Amino acid sequence: ILSCPSPEELEIARGLAAEAGFIEGPQVFWSPPKKSVQQKPRYGIVYYSALCS
């Protein structure tokens, strides 16, 4: 979980997520969905920036 990432930190996270094949969603990078997602965990990078000042 990234809390209040700087633009530079977010770019690093975005690069790592893209390298791992993650899918970008609203404030999260998800691992690619599996066929049986209920039986397998999904991994993600979650970031919060809306409440940062």
Protein backbone atom coordinates (compact mmCIF):
# COMPACT_ATOMS: atom_id res chain seq x y z
CA ILE A 1 0.00 0.00 0.00
CA LEU A 2 1.36 3.38 -0.99
CA SER A 3 0.05 6.28 1.05
CA CYS A 4 0.26 9.71 -0.57
CA PRO A 5 2.82 8.73 -3.21
CA SER A 6 4.75 11.50 -4.88
CA PRO A 7 4.51 11.65 -8.68
CA GLU A 8 7.98 10.07 -8.84
CA GLU A 9 6.98 7.23 -6.51
CA LEU A 10 3.82 6.65 -8.52
CA GLU A 11 5.84 6.44 -11.75
CA ILE A 12 8.16 3.86 -10.14
CA ALA A 13 5.14 1.83 -8.97
CA ARG A 14 3.54 2.15 -12.42
CA GLY A 15 6.72 0.90 -14.06
CA LEU A 16 7.03 -2.07 -11.71
CA ALA A 17 3.35 -2.91 -12.15
CA ALA A 18 3.63 -2.77 -15.95
CA GLU A 19 6.74 -4.95 -15.85
CA ALA A 20 4.83 -7.52 -13.78
CA GLY A 21 1.89 -7.42 -16.20
CA PHE A 22 -0.45 -5.78 -13.72
CA ILE A 23 -3.61 -4.04 -14.90
CA GLU A 24 -4.19 -0.46 -13.76
CA GLY A 25 -7.52 0.37 -12.18
CA PRO A 26 -8.71 3.35 -10.14
CA GLN A 27 -6.05 3.80 -7.43
CA VAL A 28 -4.87 0.21 -7.77
CA PHE A 29 -2.71 -1.99 -9.97
CA TRP A 30 -4.16 -5.52 -10.14
CA SER A 31 -2.41 -8.70 -11.07
CA PRO A 32 -3.92 -10.25 -14.22
CA PRO A 33 -7.21 -12.01 -13.50
CA LYS A 34 -7.12 -15.79 -13.28
CA LYS A 35 -9.79 -18.10 -14.67
CA SER A 36 -10.90 -19.08 -11.17
CA VAL A 37 -10.35 -15.85 -9.28
CA GLN A 38 -12.38 -17.05 -6.29
CA GLN A 39 -9.90 -19.85 -5.63
CA LYS A 40 -6.72 -17.88 -6.22
CA PRO A 41 -5.69 -14.65 -4.55
CA ARG A 42 -5.11 -11.56 -6.65
CA TYR A 43 -2.21 -9.33 -5.81
CA GLY A 44 -2.21 -5.60 -6.19
CA ILE A 45 -0.55 -2.32 -5.39
CA VAL A 46 -3.02 0.08 -3.82
CA TYR A 47 -2.29 3.78 -3.58
CA TYR A 48 -4.13 6.60 -1.86
CA SER A 49 -3.70 10.15 -3.07
CA ALA A 50 -7.18 11.69 -2.84
CA LEU A 51 -6.85 12.77 0.79
CA CYS A 52 -3.27 14.01 0.56
CA SER A 53 -2.44 17.66 0.86
